[in-house]
Amino acid sequence: GKFDNGWDEVIATRFAKQKSLGLVPSDAKLPSNDGRV
């Protein structure tokens, strides 16, 4: 049941954490999804 909310939410959560960890710039934007997804 841990992933019932889906990949969009996981991507957003991970991206926010990466910013807080200093791995990506604070003003970075996510690219668009792969068209097959």
PDB file of all heavy atoms in Angstrom:
ATOM      1  N   GLY A   1       0.783  -1.237   0.000  1.00  0.00           N
ATOM      2  CA  GLY A   1       0.000   0.000   0.000  1.00  0.00           C
ATOM      3  C   GLY A   1       0.810   1.280   0.000  1.00  0.00           C
ATOM      4  O   GLY A   1       0.234   2.383  -0.075  1.00  0.00           O
ATOM      5  N   LYS A   2       2.133   1.181   0.064  1.00  0.00           N
ATOM      6  CA  LYS A   2       2.973   2.373   0.194  1.00  0.00           C
ATOM      7  C   LYS A   2       3.020   3.219  -1.083  1.00  0.00           C
ATOM      8  O   LYS A   2       3.389   4.400  -1.027  1.00  0.00           O
ATOM      9  CB  LYS A   2       4.398   1.966   0.576  1.00  0.00           C
ATOM     10  CG  LYS A   2       4.537   1.289   1.930  1.00  0.00           C
ATOM     11  CD  LYS A   2       4.281   2.246   3.075  1.00  0.00           C
ATOM     12  CE  LYS A   2       4.573   1.585   4.414  1.00  0.00           C
ATOM     13  NZ  LYS A   2       4.278   2.481   5.561  1.00  0.00           N
ATOM     14  N   PHE A   3       2.668   2.626  -2.223  1.00  0.00           N
ATOM     15  CA  PHE A   3       2.797   3.352  -3.479  1.00  0.00           C
ATOM     16  C   PHE A   3       1.458   3.501  -4.195  1.00  0.00           C
ATOM     17  O   PHE A   3       1.414   3.748  -5.401  1.00  0.00           O
ATOM     18  CB  PHE A   3       3.818   2.660  -4.378  1.00  0.00           C
ATOM     19  CG  PHE A   3       5.192   2.601  -3.760  1.00  0.00           C
ATOM     20  CD1 PHE A   3       5.648   1.434  -3.170  1.00  0.00           C
ATOM     21  CD2 PHE A   3       5.998   3.723  -3.729  1.00  0.00           C
ATOM     22  CE1 PHE A   3       6.898   1.375  -2.578  1.00  0.00           C
ATOM     23  CE2 PHE A   3       7.240   3.686  -3.140  1.00  0.00           C
ATOM     24  CZ  PHE A   3       7.703   2.512  -2.556  1.00  0.00           C
ATOM     25  N   ASP A   4       0.383   3.393  -3.435  1.00  0.00           N
ATOM     26  CA  ASP A   4      -0.947   3.516  -4.031  1.00  0.00           C
ATOM     27  C   ASP A   4      -1.224   4.914  -4.580  1.00  0.00           C
ATOM     28  O   ASP A   4      -2.094   5.090  -5.438  1.00  0.00           O
ATOM     29  CB  ASP A   4      -2.025   3.144  -3.002  1.00  0.00           C
ATOM     30  CG  ASP A   4      -2.042   1.650  -2.696  1.00  0.00           C
ATOM     31  OD1 ASP A   4      -1.332   0.887  -3.394  1.00  0.00           O
ATOM     32  OD2 ASP A   4      -2.753   1.241  -1.759  1.00  0.00           O
ATOM     33  N   ASN A   5      -0.482   5.908  -4.109  1.00  0.00           N
ATOM     34  CA  ASN A   5      -0.676   7.278  -4.598  1.00  0.00           C
ATOM     35  C   ASN A   5       0.018   7.533  -5.929  1.00  0.00           C
ATOM     36  O   ASN A   5      -0.190   8.589  -6.545  1.00  0.00           O
ATOM     37  CB  ASN A   5      -0.201   8.292  -3.561  1.00  0.00           C
ATOM     38  CG  ASN A   5      -1.121   8.348  -2.357  1.00  0.00           C
ATOM     39  OD1 ASN A   5      -2.292   7.978  -2.444  1.00  0.00           O
ATOM     40  ND2 ASN A   5      -0.592   8.786  -1.230  1.00  0.00           N
ATOM     41  N   GLY A   6       0.878   6.595  -6.361  1.00  0.00           N
ATOM     42  CA  GLY A   6       1.399   6.666  -7.719  1.00  0.00           C
ATOM     43  C   GLY A   6       2.714   7.376  -7.910  1.00  0.00           C
ATOM     44  O   GLY A   6       3.265   8.003  -7.005  1.00  0.00           O
ATOM     45  N   TRP A   7       3.197   7.274  -9.146  1.00  0.00           N
ATOM     46  CA  TRP A   7       4.531   7.781  -9.457  1.00  0.00           C
ATOM     47  C   TRP A   7       4.610   9.294  -9.514  1.00  0.00           C
ATOM     48  O   TRP A   7       5.667   9.869  -9.207  1.00  0.00           O
ATOM     49  CB  TRP A   7       5.066   7.174 -10.742  1.00  0.00           C
ATOM     50  CG  TRP A   7       4.139   7.101 -11.923  1.00  0.00           C
ATOM     51  CD1 TRP A   7       3.524   8.123 -12.581  1.00  0.00           C
ATOM     52  CD2 TRP A   7       3.740   5.901 -12.591  1.00  0.00           C
ATOM     53  NE1 TRP A   7       2.774   7.657 -13.623  1.00  0.00           N
ATOM     54  CE2 TRP A   7       2.887   6.285 -13.668  1.00  0.00           C
ATOM     55  CE3 TRP A   7       4.017   4.542 -12.427  1.00  0.00           C
ATOM     56  CZ2 TRP A   7       2.312   5.368 -14.539  1.00  0.00           C
ATOM     57  CZ3 TRP A   7       3.453   3.626 -13.293  1.00  0.00           C
ATOM     58  CH2 TRP A   7       2.608   4.036 -14.333  1.00  0.00           C
ATOM     59  N   ASP A   8       3.544   9.978  -9.865  1.00  0.00           N
ATOM     60  CA  ASP A   8       3.607  11.449  -9.923  1.00  0.00           C
ATOM     61  C   ASP A   8       3.921  12.037  -8.552  1.00  0.00           C
ATOM     62  O   ASP A   8       4.723  12.965  -8.421  1.00  0.00           O
ATOM     63  CB  ASP A   8       2.290  12.020 -10.452  1.00  0.00           C
ATOM     64  CG  ASP A   8       2.007  11.585 -11.892  1.00  0.00           C
ATOM     65  OD1 ASP A   8       2.959  11.566 -12.694  1.00  0.00           O
ATOM     66  OD2 ASP A   8       0.856  11.237 -12.194  1.00  0.00           O
ATOM     67  N   GLU A   9       3.276  11.492  -7.534  1.00  0.00           N
ATOM     68  CA  GLU A   9       3.523  11.987  -6.178  1.00  0.00           C
ATOM     69  C   GLU A   9       4.932  11.637  -5.721  1.00  0.00           C
ATOM     70  O   GLU A   9       5.606  12.447  -5.066  1.00  0.00           O
ATOM     71  CB  GLU A   9       2.493  11.400  -5.209  1.00  0.00           C
ATOM     72  CG  GLU A   9       2.648  11.927  -3.797  1.00  0.00           C
ATOM     73  CD  GLU A   9       1.510  11.493  -2.889  1.00  0.00           C
ATOM     74  OE1 GLU A   9       0.346  11.769  -3.230  1.00  0.00           O
ATOM     75  OE2 GLU A   9       1.791  10.874  -1.842  1.00  0.00           O
ATOM     76  N   VAL A  10       5.405  10.427  -6.048  1.00  0.00           N
ATOM     77  CA  VAL A  10       6.755  10.016  -5.662  1.00  0.00           C
ATOM     78  C   VAL A  10       7.794  10.930  -6.310  1.00  0.00           C
ATOM     79  O   VAL A  10       8.756  11.365  -5.662  1.00  0.00           O
ATOM     80  CB  VAL A  10       7.000   8.542  -6.037  1.00  0.00           C
ATOM     81  CG1 VAL A  10       8.485   8.186  -5.934  1.00  0.00           C
ATOM     82  CG2 VAL A  10       6.182   7.620  -5.140  1.00  0.00           C
ATOM     83  N   ILE A  11       7.606  11.236  -7.594  1.00  0.00           N
ATOM     84  CA  ILE A  11       8.547  12.117  -8.291  1.00  0.00           C
ATOM     85  C   ILE A  11       8.595  13.487  -7.623  1.00  0.00           C
ATOM     86  O   ILE A  11       9.674  14.041  -7.361  1.00  0.00           O
ATOM     87  CB  ILE A  11       8.159  12.247  -9.779  1.00  0.00           C
ATOM     88  CG1 ILE A  11       8.413  10.925 -10.506  1.00  0.00           C
ATOM     89  CG2 ILE A  11       8.945  13.383 -10.448  1.00  0.00           C
ATOM     90  CD1 ILE A  11       7.825  10.867 -11.912  1.00  0.00           C
ATOM     91  N   ALA A  12       7.435  14.047  -7.321  1.00  0.00           N
ATOM     92  CA  ALA A  12       7.382  15.375  -6.700  1.00  0.00           C
ATOM     93  C   ALA A  12       8.058  15.375  -5.332  1.00  0.00           C
ATOM     94  O   ALA A  12       8.808  16.303  -4.983  1.00  0.00           O
ATOM     95  CB  ALA A  12       5.931  15.835  -6.576  1.00  0.00           C
ATOM     96  N   THR A  13       7.808  14.315  -4.546  1.00  0.00           N
ATOM     97  CA  THR A  13       8.404  14.229  -3.206  1.00  0.00           C
ATOM     98  C   THR A  13       9.917  14.091  -3.287  1.00  0.00           C
ATOM     99  O   THR A  13      10.652  14.753  -2.533  1.00  0.00           O
ATOM    100  CB  THR A  13       7.801  13.031  -2.449  1.00  0.00           C
ATOM    101  OG1 THR A  13       6.387  13.186  -2.348  1.00  0.00           O
ATOM    102  CG2 THR A  13       8.396  12.905  -1.064  1.00  0.00           C
ATOM    103  N   ARG A  14      10.378  13.250  -4.188  1.00  0.00           N
ATOM    104  CA  ARG A  14      11.828  13.063  -4.319  1.00  0.00           C
ATOM    105  C   ARG A  14      12.508  14.337  -4.817  1.00  0.00           C
ATOM    106  O   ARG A  14      13.598  14.687  -4.349  1.00  0.00           O
ATOM    107  CB  ARG A  14      12.127  11.900  -5.264  1.00  0.00           C
ATOM    108  CG  ARG A  14      11.730  10.545  -4.696  1.00  0.00           C
ATOM    109  CD  ARG A  14      12.193   9.401  -5.585  1.00  0.00           C
ATOM    110  NE  ARG A  14      11.777   8.111  -5.055  1.00  0.00           N
ATOM    111  CZ  ARG A  14      12.165   6.932  -5.530  1.00  0.00           C
ATOM    112  NH1 ARG A  14      12.998   6.883  -6.570  1.00  0.00           N
ATOM    113  NH2 ARG A  14      11.742   5.798  -4.992  1.00  0.00           N
ATOM    114  N   PHE A  15      11.873  15.017  -5.743  1.00  0.00           N
ATOM    115  CA  PHE A  15      12.456  16.241  -6.295  1.00  0.00           C
ATOM    116  C   PHE A  15      12.590  17.301  -5.206  1.00  0.00           C
ATOM    117  O   PHE A  15      13.622  17.988  -5.105  1.00  0.00           O
ATOM    118  CB  PHE A  15      11.594  16.732  -7.453  1.00  0.00           C
ATOM    119  CG  PHE A  15      12.201  17.842  -8.255  1.00  0.00           C
ATOM    120  CD1 PHE A  15      13.495  17.756  -8.729  1.00  0.00           C
ATOM    121  CD2 PHE A  15      11.456  18.981  -8.551  1.00  0.00           C
ATOM    122  CE1 PHE A  15      14.047  18.787  -9.491  1.00  0.00           C
ATOM    123  CE2 PHE A  15      11.996  20.010  -9.304  1.00  0.00           C
ATOM    124  CZ  PHE A  15      13.293  19.909  -9.771  1.00  0.00           C
ATOM    125  N   ALA A  16      11.574  17.433  -4.377  1.00  0.00           N
ATOM    126  CA  ALA A  16      11.634  18.409  -3.280  1.00  0.00           C
ATOM    127  C   ALA A  16      12.742  18.053  -2.301  1.00  0.00           C
ATOM    128  O   ALA A  16      13.477  18.938  -1.817  1.00  0.00           O
ATOM    129  CB  ALA A  16      10.283  18.465  -2.568  1.00  0.00           C
ATOM    130  N   LYS A  17      12.902  16.756  -2.013  1.00  0.00           N
ATOM    131  CA  LYS A  17      13.955  16.338  -1.086  1.00  0.00           C
ATOM    132  C   LYS A  17      15.335  16.578  -1.693  1.00  0.00           C
ATOM    133  O   LYS A  17      16.270  16.980  -0.988  1.00  0.00           O
ATOM    134  CB  LYS A  17      13.774  14.866  -0.719  1.00  0.00           C
ATOM    135  CG  LYS A  17      14.754  14.395   0.350  1.00  0.00           C
ATOM    136  CD  LYS A  17      14.495  12.963   0.775  1.00  0.00           C
ATOM    137  CE  LYS A  17      15.515  12.514   1.815  1.00  0.00           C
ATOM    138  NZ  LYS A  17      15.319  11.086   2.194  1.00  0.00           N
ATOM    139  N   GLN A  18      15.471  16.337  -2.994  1.00  0.00           N
ATOM    140  CA  GLN A  18      16.762  16.584  -3.648  1.00  0.00           C
ATOM    141  C   GLN A  18      17.160  18.049  -3.541  1.00  0.00           C
ATOM    142  O   GLN A  18      18.343  18.370  -3.353  1.00  0.00           O
ATOM    143  CB  GLN A  18      16.699  16.144  -5.111  1.00  0.00           C
ATOM    144  CG  GLN A  18      16.671  14.631  -5.292  1.00  0.00           C
ATOM    145  CD  GLN A  18      16.363  14.203  -6.715  1.00  0.00           C
ATOM    146  OE1 GLN A  18      15.835  14.985  -7.508  1.00  0.00           O
ATOM    147  NE2 GLN A  18      16.697  12.965  -7.037  1.00  0.00           N
ATOM    148  N   LYS A  19      16.193  18.937  -3.640  1.00  0.00           N
ATOM    149  CA  LYS A  19      16.494  20.362  -3.463  1.00  0.00           C
ATOM    150  C   LYS A  19      16.952  20.640  -2.033  1.00  0.00           C
ATOM    151  O   LYS A  19      17.928  21.377  -1.815  1.00  0.00           O
ATOM    152  CB  LYS A  19      15.261  21.200  -3.793  1.00  0.00           C
ATOM    153  CG  LYS A  19      14.928  21.263  -5.274  1.00  0.00           C
ATOM    154  CD  LYS A  19      13.745  22.191  -5.543  1.00  0.00           C
ATOM    155  CE  LYS A  19      13.460  22.330  -7.032  1.00  0.00           C
ATOM    156  NZ  LYS A  19      12.350  23.264  -7.314  1.00  0.00           N
ATOM    157  N   SER A  20      16.276  20.050  -1.064  1.00  0.00           N
ATOM    158  CA  SER A  20      16.642  20.291   0.331  1.00  0.00           C
ATOM    159  C   SER A  20      18.006  19.708   0.673  1.00  0.00           C
ATOM    160  O   SER A  20      18.709  20.218   1.556  1.00  0.00           O
ATOM    161  CB  SER A  20      15.570  19.707   1.264  1.00  0.00           C
ATOM    162  OG  SER A  20      15.594  18.291   1.242  1.00  0.00           O
ATOM    163  N   LEU A  21      18.402  18.647  -0.037  1.00  0.00           N
ATOM    164  CA  LEU A  21      19.707  18.018   0.187  1.00  0.00           C
ATOM    165  C   LEU A  21      20.829  18.727  -0.563  1.00  0.00           C
ATOM    166  O   LEU A  21      22.005  18.384  -0.396  1.00  0.00           O
ATOM    167  CB  LEU A  21      19.662  16.553  -0.247  1.00  0.00           C
ATOM    168  CG  LEU A  21      18.787  15.609   0.584  1.00  0.00           C
ATOM    169  CD1 LEU A  21      18.639  14.257  -0.114  1.00  0.00           C
ATOM    170  CD2 LEU A  21      19.372  15.433   1.978  1.00  0.00           C
ATOM    171  N   GLY A  22      20.490  19.697  -1.402  1.00  0.00           N
ATOM    172  CA  GLY A  22      21.495  20.413  -2.165  1.00  0.00           C
ATOM    173  C   GLY A  22      22.015  19.655  -3.368  1.00  0.00           C
ATOM    174  O   GLY A  22      23.084  19.981  -3.910  1.00  0.00           O
ATOM    175  N   LEU A  23      21.246  18.674  -3.838  1.00  0.00           N
ATOM    176  CA  LEU A  23      21.670  17.882  -4.995  1.00  0.00           C
ATOM    177  C   LEU A  23      21.308  18.553  -6.307  1.00  0.00           C
ATOM    178  O   LEU A  23      21.992  18.372  -7.323  1.00  0.00           O
ATOM    179  CB  LEU A  23      21.045  16.486  -4.934  1.00  0.00           C
ATOM    180  CG  LEU A  23      21.522  15.593  -3.796  1.00  0.00           C
ATOM    181  CD1 LEU A  23      20.631  14.363  -3.682  1.00  0.00           C
ATOM    182  CD2 LEU A  23      22.973  15.174  -4.007  1.00  0.00           C
ATOM    183  N   VAL A  24      20.213  19.302  -6.320  1.00  0.00           N
ATOM    184  CA  VAL A  24      19.798  20.044  -7.506  1.00  0.00           C
ATOM    185  C   VAL A  24      19.537  21.492  -7.083  1.00  0.00           C
ATOM    186  O   VAL A  24      19.238  21.766  -5.918  1.00  0.00           O
ATOM    187  CB  VAL A  24      18.532  19.440  -8.164  1.00  0.00           C
ATOM    188  CG1 VAL A  24      18.791  18.009  -8.607  1.00  0.00           C
ATOM    189  CG2 VAL A  24      17.344  19.496  -7.226  1.00  0.00           C
ATOM    190  N   PRO A  25      19.635  22.439  -8.012  1.00  0.00           N
ATOM    191  CA  PRO A  25      19.407  23.854  -7.661  1.00  0.00           C
ATOM    192  C   PRO A  25      17.989  24.083  -7.138  1.00  0.00           C
ATOM    193  O   PRO A  25      17.037  23.408  -7.536  1.00  0.00           O
ATOM    194  CB  PRO A  25      19.625  24.587  -8.990  1.00  0.00           C
ATOM    195  CG  PRO A  25      20.469  23.667  -9.815  1.00  0.00           C
ATOM    196  CD  PRO A  25      20.054  22.278  -9.415  1.00  0.00           C
ATOM    197  N   SER A  26      17.862  25.039  -6.267  1.00  0.00           N
ATOM    198  CA  SER A  26      16.558  25.318  -5.653  1.00  0.00           C
ATOM    199  C   SER A  26      15.533  25.811  -6.667  1.00  0.00           C
ATOM    200  O   SER A  26      14.332  25.693  -6.436  1.00  0.00           O
ATOM    201  CB  SER A  26      16.719  26.366  -4.544  1.00  0.00           C
ATOM    202  OG  SER A  26      17.257  27.570  -5.079  1.00  0.00           O
ATOM    203  N   ASP A  27      15.996  26.367  -7.799  1.00  0.00           N
ATOM    204  CA  ASP A  27      15.067  26.865  -8.811  1.00  0.00           C
ATOM    205  C   ASP A  27      14.899  25.896  -9.984  1.00  0.00           C
ATOM    206  O   ASP A  27      14.337  26.254 -11.021  1.00  0.00           O
ATOM    207  CB  ASP A  27      15.520  28.232  -9.327  1.00  0.00           C
ATOM    208  CG  ASP A  27      16.896  28.187  -9.976  1.00  0.00           C
ATOM    209  OD1 ASP A  27      17.589  27.151  -9.845  1.00  0.00           O
ATOM    210  OD2 ASP A  27      17.288  29.180 -10.621  1.00  0.00           O
ATOM    211  N   ALA A  28      15.389  24.661  -9.826  1.00  0.00           N
ATOM    212  CA  ALA A  28      15.286  23.669 -10.912  1.00  0.00           C
ATOM    213  C   ALA A  28      13.826  23.308 -11.174  1.00  0.00           C
ATOM    214  O   ALA A  28      12.981  23.356 -10.271  1.00  0.00           O
ATOM    215  CB  ALA A  28      16.070  22.410 -10.554  1.00  0.00           C
ATOM    216  N   LYS A  29      13.517  22.970 -12.424  1.00  0.00           N
ATOM    217  CA  LYS A  29      12.181  22.545 -12.820  1.00  0.00           C
ATOM    218  C   LYS A  29      12.237  21.113 -13.328  1.00  0.00           C
ATOM    219  O   LYS A  29      13.197  20.720 -13.996  1.00  0.00           O
ATOM    220  CB  LYS A  29      11.627  23.449 -13.934  1.00  0.00           C
ATOM    221  CG  LYS A  29      11.632  24.938 -13.618  1.00  0.00           C
ATOM    222  CD  LYS A  29      10.668  25.293 -12.498  1.00  0.00           C
ATOM    223  CE  LYS A  29      10.645  26.806 -12.279  1.00  0.00           C
ATOM    224  NZ  LYS A  29       9.792  27.169 -11.108  1.00  0.00           N
ATOM    225  N   LEU A  30      11.197  20.350 -13.039  1.00  0.00           N
ATOM    226  CA  LEU A  30      11.123  18.987 -13.556  1.00  0.00           C
ATOM    227  C   LEU A  30      10.846  19.001 -15.055  1.00  0.00           C
ATOM    228  O   LEU A  30      10.059  19.823 -15.538  1.00  0.00           O
ATOM    229  CB  LEU A  30      10.013  18.206 -12.862  1.00  0.00           C
ATOM    230  CG  LEU A  30      10.328  17.593 -11.508  1.00  0.00           C
ATOM    231  CD1 LEU A  30       9.055  17.045 -10.876  1.00  0.00           C
ATOM    232  CD2 LEU A  30      11.369  16.484 -11.628  1.00  0.00           C
ATOM    233  N   PRO A  31      11.464  18.097 -15.804  1.00  0.00           N
ATOM    234  CA  PRO A  31      11.129  17.980 -17.223  1.00  0.00           C
ATOM    235  C   PRO A  31       9.747  17.355 -17.386  1.00  0.00           C
ATOM    236  O   PRO A  31       9.201  16.768 -16.444  1.00  0.00           O
ATOM    237  CB  PRO A  31      12.212  17.049 -17.769  1.00  0.00           C
ATOM    238  CG  PRO A  31      12.598  16.213 -16.590  1.00  0.00           C
ATOM    239  CD  PRO A  31      12.473  17.115 -15.387  1.00  0.00           C
ATOM    240  N   SER A  32       9.205  17.459 -18.577  1.00  0.00           N
ATOM    241  CA  SER A  32       7.905  16.847 -18.835  1.00  0.00           C
ATOM    242  C   SER A  32       8.029  15.332 -18.794  1.00  0.00           C
ATOM    243  O   SER A  32       9.101  14.771 -19.010  1.00  0.00           O
ATOM    244  CB  SER A  32       7.387  17.287 -20.199  1.00  0.00           C
ATOM    245  OG  SER A  32       8.300  16.919 -21.218  1.00  0.00           O
ATOM    246  N   ASN A  33       6.911  14.681 -18.525  1.00  0.00           N
ATOM    247  CA  ASN A  33       6.896  13.222 -18.477  1.00  0.00           C
ATOM    248  C   ASN A  33       7.217  12.623 -19.838  1.00  0.00           C
ATOM    249  O   ASN A  33       6.938  13.214 -20.879  1.00  0.00           O
ATOM    250  CB  ASN A  33       5.493  12.737 -18.067  1.00  0.00           C
ATOM    251  CG  ASN A  33       5.511  12.014 -16.744  1.00  0.00           C
ATOM    252  OD1 ASN A  33       6.559  11.674 -16.223  1.00  0.00           O
ATOM    253  ND2 ASN A  33       4.328  11.798 -16.196  1.00  0.00           N
ATOM    254  N   ASP A  34       7.778  11.424 -19.824  1.00  0.00           N
ATOM    255  CA  ASP A  34       7.904  10.653 -21.055  1.00  0.00           C
ATOM    256  C   ASP A  34       6.498  10.431 -21.622  1.00  0.00           C
ATOM    257  O   ASP A  34       5.562  10.114 -20.886  1.00  0.00           O
ATOM    258  CB  ASP A  34       8.577   9.316 -20.749  1.00  0.00           C
ATOM    259  CG  ASP A  34       8.844   8.502 -21.997  1.00  0.00           C
ATOM    260  OD1 ASP A  34       7.884   7.922 -22.535  1.00  0.00           O
ATOM    261  OD2 ASP A  34      10.005   8.435 -22.434  1.00  0.00           O
ATOM    262  N   GLY A  35       6.355  10.595 -22.928  1.00  0.00           N
ATOM    263  CA  GLY A  35       5.038  10.516 -23.545  1.00  0.00           C
ATOM    264  C   GLY A  35       4.335   9.191 -23.376  1.00  0.00           C
ATOM    265  O   GLY A  35       3.106   9.098 -23.464  1.00  0.00           O
ATOM    266  N   ARG A  36       5.094   8.135 -23.118  1.00  0.00           N
ATOM    267  CA  ARG A  36       4.502   6.799 -22.944  1.00  0.00           C
ATOM    268  C   ARG A  36       3.929   6.593 -21.550  1.00  0.00           C
ATOM    269  O   ARG A  36       3.205   5.625 -21.305  1.00  0.00           O
ATOM    270  CB  ARG A  36       5.549   5.726 -23.236  1.00  0.00           C
ATOM    271  CG  ARG A  36       6.025   5.689 -24.681  1.00  0.00           C
ATOM    272  CD  ARG A  36       7.275   4.831 -24.823  1.00  0.00           C
ATOM    273  NE  ARG A  36       8.429   5.444 -24.190  1.00  0.00           N
ATOM    274  CZ  ARG A  36       9.636   4.867 -24.115  1.00  0.00           C
ATOM    275  NH1 ARG A  36       9.822   3.662 -24.640  1.00  0.00           N
ATOM    276  NH2 ARG A  36      10.645   5.490 -23.535  1.00  0.00           N
ATOM    277  N   VAL A  37       4.261   7.486 -20.631  1.00  0.00           N
ATOM    278  CA  VAL A  37       3.835   7.329 -19.236  1.00  0.00           C
ATOM    279  C   VAL A  37       2.628   8.219 -18.969  1.00  0.00           C
ATOM    280  O   VAL A  37       2.691   9.440 -19.095  1.00  0.00           O
ATOM    281  CB  VAL A  37       4.984   7.697 -18.270  1.00  0.00           C
ATOM    282  CG1 VAL A  37       4.504   7.569 -16.821  1.00  0.00           C
ATOM    283  CG2 VAL A  37       6.194   6.811 -18.517  1.00  0.00           C
TER     284      VAL A  37
END
